[in-house]
Amino acid sequence: MEYPQRIPDLVTEALGDGMAVLAGGQKYVLNATSALVFQNCDGQTSPKRLAEILRQKFNLLPAEAEHLTRLALEELETSDLLQAATLPAAATFSRRQALTGFATLGLSLAILPFVQRGAEAQGGTTLVPLLECVDDNGDGTFTAHFGYLNTTGSTITLAVGPKNMFVGGDKDRGQPTVFLPGEHLSEFTVTFDALDTLKWMLKADGDRRHQVEASATSEACATTTLSGTTIGG
């Protein structure tokens, strides 16, 4: 399909810089990048024009905007929010490839396209801790980059304690206590020794417990060197 088009019978709602979409009884949360592409998938706007819209919005290079557009369209189509056959079969990117590419280019991961299906369990509230990657500091310590995913349309507040804590050792490692809707990467970092394992647990009201672990064997952050400066993912 040359001009991507949204599926019919959608209900949308502004959600910060992003958007909530209700389609077929299912709720989706789109970040700012995906929401901007989705809003312009009207069946009359070409992918090239969509890339230009992103380029102007985020001050990107043309190649970066094209990459973002293809990622956004793929996530939207995978979530069944676009009419079929929007993309060629070969236009497939993994989220890990995207993270690596963005780290290499030195771009903010906050603009990486994101479409999340809303939770259906226990009141529909989902707050999930995320481990983005781990840096090897080269001195026997490692630095874990943590974020979170809030699939509701509301801000969730959890004080450090039984529902927001690191398990084992200090419960407070600088984690946030206010969780905005959507996906938020690299919200805080924790440095730990090579033999340690970090376990961050979150449990929003009405939701089940979610936990993420970081260790020396966790996925390493992508790095590259540009003009003598190392950029990490």
Protein backbone atom coordinates (compact mmCIF):
# COMPACT_ATOMS: atom_id res chain seq x y z
CA MET A 1 0.00 0.00 0.00
CA GLU A 2 1.57 3.26 -1.11
CA TYR A 3 -0.35 5.46 1.33
CA PRO A 4 -0.73 4.00 4.85
CA GLN A 5 -4.23 4.24 6.28
CA ARG A 6 -5.67 3.74 9.73
CA ILE A 7 -8.27 1.07 10.25
CA PRO A 8 -11.85 2.40 10.63
CA ASP A 9 -13.92 2.71 13.81
CA LEU A 10 -11.19 4.02 16.11
CA VAL A 11 -11.52 6.12 19.24
CA THR A 12 -8.48 8.22 20.15
CA GLU A 13 -7.56 10.29 23.19
CA ALA A 14 -4.59 12.57 23.82
CA LEU A 15 -2.16 11.10 26.36
CA GLY A 16 0.57 13.59 27.19
CA ASP A 17 2.67 13.90 24.03
CA GLY A 18 1.28 10.58 22.84
CA MET A 19 -2.12 9.02 22.28
CA ALA A 20 -4.42 6.29 23.53
CA VAL A 21 -6.30 4.35 20.85
CA LEU A 22 -9.33 2.12 21.38
CA ALA A 23 -9.86 -0.32 18.52
CA GLY A 24 -12.06 -3.40 18.59
CA GLY A 25 -12.37 -3.27 22.36
CA GLN A 26 -8.59 -3.20 22.79
CA LYS A 27 -6.66 -0.22 24.12
CA TYR A 28 -3.24 0.81 22.79
CA VAL A 29 -0.79 3.42 24.04
CA LEU A 30 1.32 5.26 21.45
CA ASN A 31 4.27 7.48 22.28
CA ALA A 32 4.76 10.86 20.59
CA THR A 33 6.56 9.46 17.54
CA SER A 34 4.07 6.69 16.82
CA ALA A 35 1.14 9.01 17.53
CA LEU A 36 2.41 11.59 15.03
CA VAL A 37 2.80 8.96 12.31
CA PHE A 38 -0.56 7.38 13.16
CA GLN A 39 -2.41 10.71 13.01
CA ASN A 40 -1.12 11.25 9.49
CA CYS A 41 -1.91 7.75 8.19
CA ASP A 42 -4.97 9.06 6.37
CA GLY A 43 -4.60 7.14 3.12
CA GLN A 44 -3.38 10.29 1.38
CA THR A 45 0.05 10.81 2.98
CA SER A 46 3.00 8.85 1.60
CA PRO A 47 5.72 7.31 3.80
CA LYS A 48 8.11 9.86 2.33
CA ARG A 49 5.88 12.69 3.53
CA LEU A 50 5.49 11.00 6.93
CA ALA A 51 9.27 10.94 7.24
CA GLU A 52 9.42 14.64 6.41
CA ILE A 53 6.86 15.36 9.14
CA LEU A 54 9.03 13.49 11.67
CA ARG A 55 12.19 15.17 10.39
CA GLN A 56 10.72 18.62 11.01
CA LYS A 57 9.21 17.68 14.37
CA PHE A 58 12.35 16.14 15.88
CA ASN A 59 15.03 17.95 13.85
CA LEU A 60 16.39 14.74 12.32
CA LEU A 61 18.51 13.92 9.33
CA PRO A 62 16.47 12.56 6.38
CA ALA A 63 17.86 9.02 6.79
CA GLU A 64 17.06 9.04 10.51
CA ALA A 65 13.50 10.22 9.85
CA GLU A 66 13.00 7.49 7.24
CA HIS A 67 14.20 4.85 9.66
CA LEU A 68 11.86 6.13 12.37
CA THR A 69 8.93 6.18 9.97
CA ARG A 70 9.46 2.59 8.88
CA LEU A 71 9.74 1.47 12.52
CA ALA A 72 6.58 3.34 13.46
CA LEU A 73 4.62 1.94 10.52
CA GLU A 74 5.76 -1.58 11.31
CA GLU A 75 4.71 -1.31 14.97
CA LEU A 76 1.35 0.15 13.99
CA GLU A 77 0.72 -2.55 11.41
CA THR A 78 1.85 -5.32 13.77
CA SER A 79 -0.68 -3.97 16.28
CA ASP A 80 -3.40 -4.15 13.56
CA LEU A 81 -3.97 -0.39 13.67
CA LEU A 82 -3.28 0.04 9.94
CA GLN A 83 -5.04 -1.52 7.01
CA ALA A 84 -3.25 -4.56 5.63
CA ALA A 85 -0.23 -4.51 3.31
CA THR A 86 1.10 -1.16 4.42
CA LEU A 87 4.74 -2.28 4.33
CA PRO A 88 6.82 -4.56 2.11
CA ALA A 89 7.60 -7.86 3.81
CA ALA A 90 11.31 -7.04 3.87
CA ALA A 91 10.89 -3.89 5.94
CA THR A 92 11.38 -5.53 9.32
CA PHE A 93 13.40 -4.20 12.25
CA SER A 94 13.78 -5.71 15.71
CA ARG A 95 13.51 -3.38 18.68
CA ARG A 96 17.05 -4.37 19.67
CA GLN A 97 18.35 -3.40 16.22
CA ALA A 98 16.61 -0.07 16.59
CA LEU A 99 18.11 0.53 20.03
CA THR A 100 21.57 -0.29 18.71
CA GLY A 101 21.12 1.95 15.69
CA PHE A 102 19.91 4.87 17.77
CA ALA A 103 22.80 4.50 20.20
CA THR A 104 25.21 4.49 17.28
CA LEU A 105 23.70 7.68 15.90
CA GLY A 106 23.60 9.32 19.30
CA LEU A 107 19.82 9.85 19.10
CA SER A 108 17.50 9.98 22.08
CA LEU A 109 15.75 6.68 22.72
CA ALA A 110 12.70 8.65 23.82
CA ILE A 111 11.74 9.17 20.16
CA LEU A 112 11.96 5.48 19.27
CA PRO A 113 8.46 4.51 18.01
CA PHE A 114 6.42 2.63 20.58
CA VAL A 115 2.98 0.99 20.50
CA GLN A 116 1.88 -0.90 23.60
CA ARG A 117 -1.22 -3.05 23.93
CA GLY A 118 -3.05 -2.15 27.13
CA ALA A 119 -3.30 -4.75 29.86
CA GLU A 120 -6.53 -6.65 30.33
CA ALA A 121 -5.77 -8.25 33.69
CA GLN A 122 -6.83 -7.08 37.17
CA GLY A 123 -8.33 -3.69 36.54
CA GLY A 124 -6.32 -3.01 33.41
CA THR A 125 -3.42 -1.44 35.33
CA THR A 126 0.08 -2.42 34.31
CA LEU A 127 3.31 -0.90 35.59
CA VAL A 128 6.37 -2.82 34.50
CA PRO A 129 10.02 -2.13 35.38
CA LEU A 130 12.37 -2.27 32.39
CA LEU A 131 16.07 -3.05 32.10
CA GLU A 132 17.36 -1.32 28.99
CA CYS A 133 20.96 -2.56 29.10
CA VAL A 134 24.09 -2.83 31.26
CA ASP A 135 27.44 -1.05 30.83
CA ASP A 136 30.73 -2.74 31.75
CA ASN A 137 32.72 -0.02 33.53
CA GLY A 138 35.99 -1.93 33.15
CA ASP A 139 36.83 -1.79 36.85
CA GLY A 140 34.86 -4.73 38.14
CA THR A 141 31.61 -2.78 38.32
CA PHE A 142 28.66 -2.50 35.96
CA THR A 143 25.98 0.17 35.46
CA ALA A 144 22.39 -0.87 34.80
CA HIS A 145 20.04 1.45 32.90
CA PHE A 146 16.48 1.13 34.13
CA GLY A 147 13.17 2.50 32.87
CA TYR A 148 9.51 1.59 33.12
CA LEU A 149 6.34 0.99 31.13
CA ASN A 150 2.99 2.39 32.29
CA THR A 151 0.27 1.16 29.94
CA THR A 152 -2.53 3.07 31.63
CA GLY A 153 -3.61 6.55 30.67
CA SER A 154 -2.87 7.95 34.12
CA THR A 155 0.14 8.84 36.22
CA ILE A 156 0.86 6.26 38.93
CA THR A 157 2.54 7.27 42.19
CA LEU A 158 4.32 4.63 44.28
CA ALA A 159 6.53 5.59 47.20
CA VAL A 160 9.67 3.55 47.79
CA GLY A 161 8.50 0.61 49.86
CA PRO A 162 6.79 -2.77 49.47
CA LYS A 163 5.33 -1.83 46.05
CA ASN A 164 8.40 -0.08 44.65
CA MET A 165 11.70 -1.47 45.84
CA PHE A 166 14.91 -3.25 45.07
CA VAL A 167 14.87 -6.75 46.56
CA GLY A 168 17.91 -7.52 48.72
CA GLY A 169 20.14 -4.77 50.05
CA ASP A 170 19.02 -1.16 49.79
CA LYS A 171 15.36 -0.86 48.76
CA ASP A 172 15.96 2.66 47.45
CA ARG A 173 18.41 2.85 44.53
CA GLY A 174 17.18 6.15 43.14
CA GLN A 175 14.17 4.67 41.31
CA PRO A 176 11.29 7.01 40.39
CA THR A 177 8.17 7.27 42.50
CA VAL A 178 6.02 9.02 39.88
CA PHE A 179 5.35 6.96 36.73
CA LEU A 180 3.97 8.78 33.70
CA PRO A 181 1.93 6.98 30.99
CA GLY A 182 3.90 5.25 28.24
CA GLU A 183 7.40 3.82 27.95
CA HIS A 184 10.27 5.66 29.61
CA LEU A 185 13.83 4.43 29.04
CA SER A 186 17.00 5.33 30.95
CA GLU A 187 15.10 6.94 33.82
CA PHE A 188 17.88 6.11 36.28
CA THR A 189 21.05 4.04 36.60
CA VAL A 190 22.49 1.85 39.34
CA THR A 191 26.13 0.81 39.60
CA PHE A 192 26.81 -2.62 41.07
CA ASP A 193 29.62 -5.14 41.53
CA ALA A 194 30.21 -7.90 39.00
CA LEU A 195 28.96 -10.66 41.30
CA ASP A 196 25.79 -8.83 42.35
CA THR A 197 22.28 -9.12 40.89
CA LEU A 198 19.89 -6.17 41.03
CA LYS A 199 16.17 -6.93 41.31
CA TRP A 200 13.66 -4.08 40.95
CA MET A 201 10.03 -4.85 41.80
CA LEU A 202 6.91 -2.78 41.06
CA LYS A 203 3.28 -3.52 41.96
CA ALA A 204 0.65 -0.93 41.08
CA ASP A 205 -2.76 -1.13 42.76
CA GLY A 206 -4.90 -3.73 41.03
CA ASP A 207 -1.94 -5.14 39.12
CA ARG A 208 0.24 -8.15 39.70
CA ARG A 209 3.86 -7.87 40.76
CA HIS A 210 6.44 -7.23 38.02
CA GLN A 211 10.18 -7.64 38.51
CA VAL A 212 13.28 -7.13 36.39
CA GLU A 213 16.84 -8.28 37.09
CA ALA A 214 20.21 -6.86 36.11
CA SER A 215 23.54 -8.66 36.34
CA ALA A 216 26.94 -8.74 34.66
CA THR A 217 25.51 -11.14 32.06
CA SER A 218 22.55 -8.92 31.11
CA GLU A 219 22.37 -7.48 27.61
CA ALA A 220 25.20 -5.00 27.10
CA CYS A 221 24.56 -1.43 26.04
CA ALA A 222 25.45 -0.62 22.46
CA THR A 223 28.37 1.77 22.17
CA THR A 224 30.19 3.53 19.41
CA THR A 225 32.96 6.08 19.16
CA LEU A 226 32.44 9.28 17.21
CA SER A 227 35.19 11.92 17.15
CA GLY A 228 36.70 10.46 20.28
CA THR A 229 33.44 10.42 22.22
CA THR A 230 31.79 7.16 23.24
CA ILE A 231 28.00 7.17 23.02
CA GLY A 232 26.14 4.54 25.02
CA GLY A 233 22.66 3.11 24.48
